[in-house]
Amino acid sequence: VSMGLQTVMYVATIFGSQELHLQTAQLIGTV
């Protein structure tokens, strides 16, 4: 479970930045 859980948590903002082109402020708001 930790293999998936921790990886998702650490790469989530990069996913939002690269795939959805969200700005830093939007990503921080999501967090």
PDB file of all heavy atoms in Angstrom:
ATOM      1  N   VAL A   1       0.832  -1.200   0.000  1.00  0.00           N
ATOM      2  CA  VAL A   1       0.000   0.000   0.000  1.00  0.00           C
ATOM      3  C   VAL A   1       0.871   1.255   0.000  1.00  0.00           C
ATOM      4  O   VAL A   1       0.586   2.230  -0.712  1.00  0.00           O
ATOM      5  CB  VAL A   1      -0.960   0.007   1.204  1.00  0.00           C
ATOM      6  CG1 VAL A   1      -1.638   1.376   1.346  1.00  0.00           C
ATOM      7  CG2 VAL A   1      -2.022  -1.064   1.040  1.00  0.00           C
ATOM      8  N   SER A   2       1.954   1.227   0.781  1.00  0.00           N
ATOM      9  CA  SER A   2       2.850   2.381   0.845  1.00  0.00           C
ATOM     10  C   SER A   2       3.522   2.655  -0.491  1.00  0.00           C
ATOM     11  O   SER A   2       3.815   3.813  -0.817  1.00  0.00           O
ATOM     12  CB  SER A   2       3.917   2.172   1.928  1.00  0.00           C
ATOM     13  OG  SER A   2       3.327   2.131   3.208  1.00  0.00           O
ATOM     14  N   MET A   3       3.782   1.616  -1.284  1.00  0.00           N
ATOM     15  CA  MET A   3       4.355   1.818  -2.612  1.00  0.00           C
ATOM     16  C   MET A   3       3.479   2.752  -3.438  1.00  0.00           C
ATOM     17  O   MET A   3       3.970   3.679  -4.093  1.00  0.00           O
ATOM     18  CB  MET A   3       4.473   0.477  -3.354  1.00  0.00           C
ATOM     19  CG  MET A   3       5.630  -0.379  -2.970  1.00  0.00           C
ATOM     20  SD  MET A   3       5.751  -1.760  -4.138  1.00  0.00           S
ATOM     21  CE  MET A   3       6.819  -2.856  -3.226  1.00  0.00           C
ATOM     22  N   GLY A   4       2.182   2.485  -3.413  1.00  0.00           N
ATOM     23  CA  GLY A   4       1.264   3.315  -4.190  1.00  0.00           C
ATOM     24  C   GLY A   4       0.926   4.617  -3.501  1.00  0.00           C
ATOM     25  O   GLY A   4       0.965   5.691  -4.123  1.00  0.00           O
ATOM     26  N   LEU A   5       0.623   4.558  -2.208  1.00  0.00           N
ATOM     27  CA  LEU A   5       0.164   5.717  -1.453  1.00  0.00           C
ATOM     28  C   LEU A   5       1.181   6.852  -1.465  1.00  0.00           C
ATOM     29  O   LEU A   5       0.870   7.991  -1.848  1.00  0.00           O
ATOM     30  CB  LEU A   5      -0.150   5.299  -0.016  1.00  0.00           C
ATOM     31  CG  LEU A   5      -0.470   6.409   0.985  1.00  0.00           C
ATOM     32  CD1 LEU A   5      -1.774   7.078   0.621  1.00  0.00           C
ATOM     33  CD2 LEU A   5      -0.510   5.853   2.401  1.00  0.00           C
ATOM     34  N   GLN A   6       2.398   6.562  -1.042  1.00  0.00           N
ATOM     35  CA  GLN A   6       3.406   7.606  -0.920  1.00  0.00           C
ATOM     36  C   GLN A   6       3.797   8.173  -2.282  1.00  0.00           C
ATOM     37  O   GLN A   6       4.040   9.374  -2.425  1.00  0.00           O
ATOM     38  CB  GLN A   6       4.642   7.053  -0.193  1.00  0.00           C
ATOM     39  CG  GLN A   6       4.366   6.552   1.205  1.00  0.00           C
ATOM     40  CD  GLN A   6       3.994   7.674   2.158  1.00  0.00           C
ATOM     41  OE1 GLN A   6       4.269   8.839   1.907  1.00  0.00           O
ATOM     42  NE2 GLN A   6       3.361   7.325   3.274  1.00  0.00           N
ATOM     43  N   THR A   7       3.859   7.312  -3.295  1.00  0.00           N
ATOM     44  CA  THR A   7       4.217   7.793  -4.631  1.00  0.00           C
ATOM     45  C   THR A   7       3.167   8.744  -5.169  1.00  0.00           C
ATOM     46  O   THR A   7       3.488   9.812  -5.711  1.00  0.00           O
ATOM     47  CB  THR A   7       4.403   6.602  -5.601  1.00  0.00           C
ATOM     48  OG1 THR A   7       5.377   5.702  -5.069  1.00  0.00           O
ATOM     49  CG2 THR A   7       4.869   7.087  -6.963  1.00  0.00           C
ATOM     50  N   VAL A   8       1.893   8.387  -5.014  1.00  0.00           N
ATOM     51  CA  VAL A   8       0.813   9.270  -5.467  1.00  0.00           C
ATOM     52  C   VAL A   8       0.902  10.621  -4.762  1.00  0.00           C
ATOM     53  O   VAL A   8       0.762  11.687  -5.390  1.00  0.00           O
ATOM     54  CB  VAL A   8      -0.565   8.634  -5.205  1.00  0.00           C
ATOM     55  CG1 VAL A   8      -1.679   9.659  -5.408  1.00  0.00           C
ATOM     56  CG2 VAL A   8      -0.790   7.449  -6.127  1.00  0.00           C
ATOM     57  N   MET A   9       1.139  10.611  -3.474  1.00  0.00           N
ATOM     58  CA  MET A   9       1.189  11.844  -2.709  1.00  0.00           C
ATOM     59  C   MET A   9       2.339  12.750  -3.157  1.00  0.00           C
ATOM     60  O   MET A   9       2.188  13.972  -3.224  1.00  0.00           O
ATOM     61  CB  MET A   9       1.319  11.524  -1.215  1.00  0.00           C
ATOM     62  CG  MET A   9       0.051  10.947  -0.608  1.00  0.00           C
ATOM     63  SD  MET A   9       0.300  10.284   1.056  1.00  0.00           S
ATOM     64  CE  MET A   9       0.966  11.704   1.905  1.00  0.00           C
ATOM     65  N   TYR A  10       3.486  12.151  -3.487  1.00  0.00           N
ATOM     66  CA  TYR A  10       4.649  12.958  -3.845  1.00  0.00           C
ATOM     67  C   TYR A  10       4.615  13.470  -5.286  1.00  0.00           C
ATOM     68  O   TYR A  10       5.243  14.482  -5.594  1.00  0.00           O
ATOM     69  CB  TYR A  10       5.935  12.163  -3.613  1.00  0.00           C
ATOM     70  CG  TYR A  10       6.346  12.099  -2.162  1.00  0.00           C
ATOM     71  CD1 TYR A  10       6.395  10.890  -1.472  1.00  0.00           C
ATOM     72  CD2 TYR A  10       6.682  13.257  -1.464  1.00  0.00           C
ATOM     73  CE1 TYR A  10       6.767  10.829  -0.136  1.00  0.00           C
ATOM     74  CE2 TYR A  10       7.047  13.215  -0.134  1.00  0.00           C
ATOM     75  CZ  TYR A  10       7.098  11.995   0.528  1.00  0.00           C
ATOM     76  OH  TYR A  10       7.456  11.944   1.853  1.00  0.00           O
ATOM     77  N   VAL A  11       3.903  12.782  -6.186  1.00  0.00           N
ATOM     78  CA  VAL A  11       3.917  13.201  -7.599  1.00  0.00           C
ATOM     79  C   VAL A  11       2.637  13.920  -8.006  1.00  0.00           C
ATOM     80  O   VAL A  11       2.515  14.337  -9.162  1.00  0.00           O
ATOM     81  CB  VAL A  11       4.159  11.993  -8.538  1.00  0.00           C
ATOM     82  CG1 VAL A  11       5.446  11.275  -8.168  1.00  0.00           C
ATOM     83  CG2 VAL A  11       2.970  11.033  -8.547  1.00  0.00           C
ATOM     84  N   ALA A  12       1.705  14.087  -7.091  1.00  0.00           N
ATOM     85  CA  ALA A  12       0.395  14.656  -7.444  1.00  0.00           C
ATOM     86  C   ALA A  12       0.508  16.055  -8.037  1.00  0.00           C
ATOM     87  O   ALA A  12      -0.151  16.378  -9.032  1.00  0.00           O
ATOM     88  CB  ALA A  12      -0.512  14.683  -6.215  1.00  0.00           C
ATOM     89  N   THR A  13       1.338  16.926  -7.433  1.00  0.00           N
ATOM     90  CA  THR A  13       1.416  18.292  -7.931  1.00  0.00           C
ATOM     91  C   THR A  13       2.110  18.369  -9.290  1.00  0.00           C
ATOM     92  O   THR A  13       1.766  19.225 -10.119  1.00  0.00           O
ATOM     93  CB  THR A  13       2.147  19.204  -6.929  1.00  0.00           C
ATOM     94  OG1 THR A  13       3.372  18.582  -6.520  1.00  0.00           O
ATOM     95  CG2 THR A  13       1.289  19.461  -5.710  1.00  0.00           C
ATOM     96  N   ILE A  14       3.080  17.492  -9.518  1.00  0.00           N
ATOM     97  CA  ILE A  14       3.719  17.468 -10.841  1.00  0.00           C
ATOM     98  C   ILE A  14       2.708  17.006 -11.880  1.00  0.00           C
ATOM     99  O   ILE A  14       2.691  17.497 -13.017  1.00  0.00           O
ATOM    100  CB  ILE A  14       4.966  16.560 -10.834  1.00  0.00           C
ATOM    101  CG1 ILE A  14       6.113  17.273 -10.114  1.00  0.00           C
ATOM    102  CG2 ILE A  14       5.387  16.189 -12.241  1.00  0.00           C
ATOM    103  CD1 ILE A  14       7.440  16.589 -10.206  1.00  0.00           C
ATOM    104  N   PHE A  15       1.839  16.063 -11.507  1.00  0.00           N
ATOM    105  CA  PHE A  15       0.780  15.615 -12.413  1.00  0.00           C
ATOM    106  C   PHE A  15      -0.125  16.795 -12.785  1.00  0.00           C
ATOM    107  O   PHE A  15      -0.452  17.015 -13.952  1.00  0.00           O
ATOM    108  CB  PHE A  15      -0.041  14.508 -11.748  1.00  0.00           C
ATOM    109  CG  PHE A  15      -1.228  14.055 -12.553  1.00  0.00           C
ATOM    110  CD1 PHE A  15      -1.086  13.122 -13.558  1.00  0.00           C
ATOM    111  CD2 PHE A  15      -2.496  14.578 -12.305  1.00  0.00           C
ATOM    112  CE1 PHE A  15      -2.188  12.705 -14.314  1.00  0.00           C
ATOM    113  CE2 PHE A  15      -3.604  14.177 -13.052  1.00  0.00           C
ATOM    114  CZ  PHE A  15      -3.439  13.233 -14.058  1.00  0.00           C
ATOM    115  N   GLY A  16      -0.533  17.564 -11.781  1.00  0.00           N
ATOM    116  CA  GLY A  16      -1.385  18.713 -12.042  1.00  0.00           C
ATOM    117  C   GLY A  16      -0.695  19.774 -12.875  1.00  0.00           C
ATOM    118  O   GLY A  16      -1.317  20.414 -13.728  1.00  0.00           O
ATOM    119  N   SER A  17       0.608  19.960 -12.648  1.00  0.00           N
ATOM    120  CA  SER A  17       1.356  20.967 -13.379  1.00  0.00           C
ATOM    121  C   SER A  17       1.570  20.565 -14.833  1.00  0.00           C
ATOM    122  O   SER A  17       1.338  21.352 -15.755  1.00  0.00           O
ATOM    123  CB  SER A  17       2.709  21.210 -12.699  1.00  0.00           C
ATOM    124  OG  SER A  17       3.502  22.105 -13.444  1.00  0.00           O
ATOM    125  N   GLN A  18       2.008  19.328 -15.060  1.00  0.00           N
ATOM    126  CA  GLN A  18       2.355  18.909 -16.414  1.00  0.00           C
ATOM    127  C   GLN A  18       1.154  18.487 -17.231  1.00  0.00           C
ATOM    128  O   GLN A  18       1.014  18.864 -18.401  1.00  0.00           O
ATOM    129  CB  GLN A  18       3.370  17.761 -16.366  1.00  0.00           C
ATOM    130  CG  GLN A  18       3.758  17.248 -17.755  1.00  0.00           C
ATOM    131  CD  GLN A  18       4.983  16.373 -17.710  1.00  0.00           C
ATOM    132  OE1 GLN A  18       6.033  16.771 -17.232  1.00  0.00           O
ATOM    133  NE2 GLN A  18       4.863  15.155 -18.207  1.00  0.00           N
ATOM    134  N   GLU A  19       0.252  17.687 -16.651  1.00  0.00           N
ATOM    135  CA  GLU A  19      -0.862  17.142 -17.418  1.00  0.00           C
ATOM    136  C   GLU A  19      -2.017  18.127 -17.566  1.00  0.00           C
ATOM    137  O   GLU A  19      -2.688  18.165 -18.602  1.00  0.00           O
ATOM    138  CB  GLU A  19      -1.369  15.857 -16.752  1.00  0.00           C
ATOM    139  CG  GLU A  19      -0.387  14.708 -16.807  1.00  0.00           C
ATOM    140  CD  GLU A  19      -0.138  14.216 -18.230  1.00  0.00           C
ATOM    141  OE1 GLU A  19      -1.112  14.110 -18.989  1.00  0.00           O
ATOM    142  OE2 GLU A  19       1.026  13.956 -18.577  1.00  0.00           O
ATOM    143  N   LEU A  20      -2.269  18.916 -16.505  1.00  0.00           N
ATOM    144  CA  LEU A  20      -3.418  19.823 -16.526  1.00  0.00           C
ATOM    145  C   LEU A  20      -3.006  21.283 -16.653  1.00  0.00           C
ATOM    146  O   LEU A  20      -3.871  22.159 -16.723  1.00  0.00           O
ATOM    147  CB  LEU A  20      -4.258  19.634 -15.258  1.00  0.00           C
ATOM    148  CG  LEU A  20      -4.736  18.200 -14.994  1.00  0.00           C
ATOM    149  CD1 LEU A  20      -5.514  18.132 -13.696  1.00  0.00           C
ATOM    150  CD2 LEU A  20      -5.576  17.680 -16.143  1.00  0.00           C
ATOM    151  N   HIS A  21      -1.680  21.540 -16.638  1.00  0.00           N
ATOM    152  CA  HIS A  21      -1.132  22.890 -16.809  1.00  0.00           C
ATOM    153  C   HIS A  21      -1.655  23.866 -15.761  1.00  0.00           C
ATOM    154  O   HIS A  21      -1.946  25.028 -16.048  1.00  0.00           O
ATOM    155  CB  HIS A  21      -1.443  23.407 -18.224  1.00  0.00           C
ATOM    156  CG  HIS A  21      -1.039  22.465 -19.313  1.00  0.00           C
ATOM    157  ND1 HIS A  21       0.286  22.171 -19.589  1.00  0.00           N
ATOM    158  CD2 HIS A  21      -1.781  21.715 -20.180  1.00  0.00           C
ATOM    159  CE1 HIS A  21       0.348  21.307 -20.592  1.00  0.00           C
ATOM    160  NE2 HIS A  21      -0.891  20.999 -20.952  1.00  0.00           N
ATOM    161  N   LEU A  22      -1.772  23.397 -14.527  1.00  0.00           N
ATOM    162  CA  LEU A  22      -2.200  24.262 -13.439  1.00  0.00           C
ATOM    163  C   LEU A  22      -1.044  25.130 -12.975  1.00  0.00           C
ATOM    164  O   LEU A  22       0.118  24.706 -12.984  1.00  0.00           O
ATOM    165  CB  LEU A  22      -2.726  23.427 -12.267  1.00  0.00           C
ATOM    166  CG  LEU A  22      -3.935  22.523 -12.555  1.00  0.00           C
ATOM    167  CD1 LEU A  22      -4.336  21.777 -11.301  1.00  0.00           C
ATOM    168  CD2 LEU A  22      -5.113  23.342 -13.076  1.00  0.00           C
ATOM    169  N   GLN A  23      -1.355  26.347 -12.545  1.00  0.00           N
ATOM    170  CA  GLN A  23      -0.341  27.251 -12.035  1.00  0.00           C
ATOM    171  C   GLN A  23       0.018  26.874 -10.598  1.00  0.00           C
ATOM    172  O   GLN A  23      -0.708  26.152  -9.910  1.00  0.00           O
ATOM    173  CB  GLN A  23      -0.846  28.692 -12.090  1.00  0.00           C
ATOM    174  CG  GLN A  23      -1.199  29.159 -13.496  1.00  0.00           C
ATOM    175  CD  GLN A  23      -0.004  29.098 -14.450  1.00  0.00           C
ATOM    176  OE1 GLN A  23       1.081  29.567 -14.115  1.00  0.00           O
ATOM    177  NE2 GLN A  23      -0.221  28.524 -15.634  1.00  0.00           N
ATOM    178  N   THR A  24       1.169  27.406 -10.141  1.00  0.00           N
ATOM    179  CA  THR A  24       1.645  27.086  -8.790  1.00  0.00           C
ATOM    180  C   THR A  24       0.603  27.427  -7.727  1.00  0.00           C
ATOM    181  O   THR A  24       0.362  26.648  -6.799  1.00  0.00           O
ATOM    182  CB  THR A  24       2.952  27.845  -8.495  1.00  0.00           C
ATOM    183  OG1 THR A  24       3.946  27.475  -9.455  1.00  0.00           O
ATOM    184  CG2 THR A  24       3.456  27.520  -7.091  1.00  0.00           C
ATOM    185  N   ALA A  25      -0.033  28.594  -7.864  1.00  0.00           N
ATOM    186  CA  ALA A  25      -1.052  29.001  -6.883  1.00  0.00           C
ATOM    187  C   ALA A  25      -2.228  28.033  -6.872  1.00  0.00           C
ATOM    188  O   ALA A  25      -2.772  27.708  -5.807  1.00  0.00           O
ATOM    189  CB  ALA A  25      -1.544  30.419  -7.184  1.00  0.00           C
ATOM    190  N   GLN A  26      -2.626  27.543  -8.040  1.00  0.00           N
ATOM    191  CA  GLN A  26      -3.722  26.569  -8.122  1.00  0.00           C
ATOM    192  C   GLN A  26      -3.324  25.251  -7.457  1.00  0.00           C
ATOM    193  O   GLN A  26      -4.133  24.622  -6.761  1.00  0.00           O
ATOM    194  CB  GLN A  26      -4.095  26.315  -9.579  1.00  0.00           C
ATOM    195  CG  GLN A  26      -4.769  27.481 -10.282  1.00  0.00           C
ATOM    196  CD  GLN A  26      -5.015  27.193 -11.748  1.00  0.00           C
ATOM    197  OE1 GLN A  26      -4.079  27.004 -12.524  1.00  0.00           O
ATOM    198  NE2 GLN A  26      -6.281  27.147 -12.135  1.00  0.00           N
ATOM    199  N   LEU A  27      -2.072  24.848  -7.670  1.00  0.00           N
ATOM    200  CA  LEU A  27      -1.595  23.598  -7.078  1.00  0.00           C
ATOM    201  C   LEU A  27      -1.528  23.707  -5.560  1.00  0.00           C
ATOM    202  O   LEU A  27      -1.906  22.779  -4.845  1.00  0.00           O
ATOM    203  CB  LEU A  27      -0.213  23.243  -7.648  1.00  0.00           C
ATOM    204  CG  LEU A  27      -0.193  22.886  -9.138  1.00  0.00           C
ATOM    205  CD1 LEU A  27       1.236  22.798  -9.647  1.00  0.00           C
ATOM    206  CD2 LEU A  27      -0.920  21.568  -9.376  1.00  0.00           C
ATOM    207  N   ILE A  28      -1.043  24.837  -5.076  1.00  0.00           N
ATOM    208  CA  ILE A  28      -0.987  25.032  -3.626  1.00  0.00           C
ATOM    209  C   ILE A  28      -2.382  25.055  -3.041  1.00  0.00           C
ATOM    210  O   ILE A  28      -2.638  24.486  -1.968  1.00  0.00           O
ATOM    211  CB  ILE A  28      -0.232  26.332  -3.288  1.00  0.00           C
ATOM    212  CG1 ILE A  28       1.231  26.226  -3.735  1.00  0.00           C
ATOM    213  CG2 ILE A  28      -0.290  26.613  -1.785  1.00  0.00           C
ATOM    214  CD1 ILE A  28       2.016  27.505  -3.534  1.00  0.00           C
ATOM    215  N   GLY A  29      -3.317  25.686  -3.740  1.00  0.00           N
ATOM    216  CA  GLY A  29      -4.706  25.685  -3.288  1.00  0.00           C
ATOM    217  C   GLY A  29      -5.275  24.287  -3.210  1.00  0.00           C
ATOM    218  O   GLY A  29      -6.003  23.946  -2.270  1.00  0.00           O
ATOM    219  N   THR A  30      -4.925  23.459  -4.186  1.00  0.00           N
ATOM    220  CA  THR A  30      -5.371  22.059  -4.173  1.00  0.00           C
ATOM    221  C   THR A  30      -4.813  21.312  -2.983  1.00  0.00           C
ATOM    222  O   THR A  30      -5.510  20.538  -2.312  1.00  0.00           O
ATOM    223  CB  THR A  30      -4.944  21.350  -5.477  1.00  0.00           C
ATOM    224  OG1 THR A  30      -5.458  22.074  -6.594  1.00  0.00           O
ATOM    225  CG2 THR A  30      -5.464  19.931  -5.507  1.00  0.00           C
ATOM    226  N   VAL A  31      -3.534  21.540  -2.715  1.00  0.00           N
ATOM    227  CA  VAL A  31      -2.894  20.890  -1.571  1.00  0.00           C
ATOM    228  C   VAL A  31      -3.548  21.330  -0.271  1.00  0.00           C
ATOM    229  O   VAL A  31      -3.734  20.536   0.661  1.00  0.00           O
ATOM    230  CB  VAL A  31      -1.383  21.193  -1.555  1.00  0.00           C
ATOM    231  CG1 VAL A  31      -0.741  20.690  -0.265  1.00  0.00           C
ATOM    232  CG2 VAL A  31      -0.696  20.550  -2.759  1.00  0.00           C
TER     233      VAL A  31
END
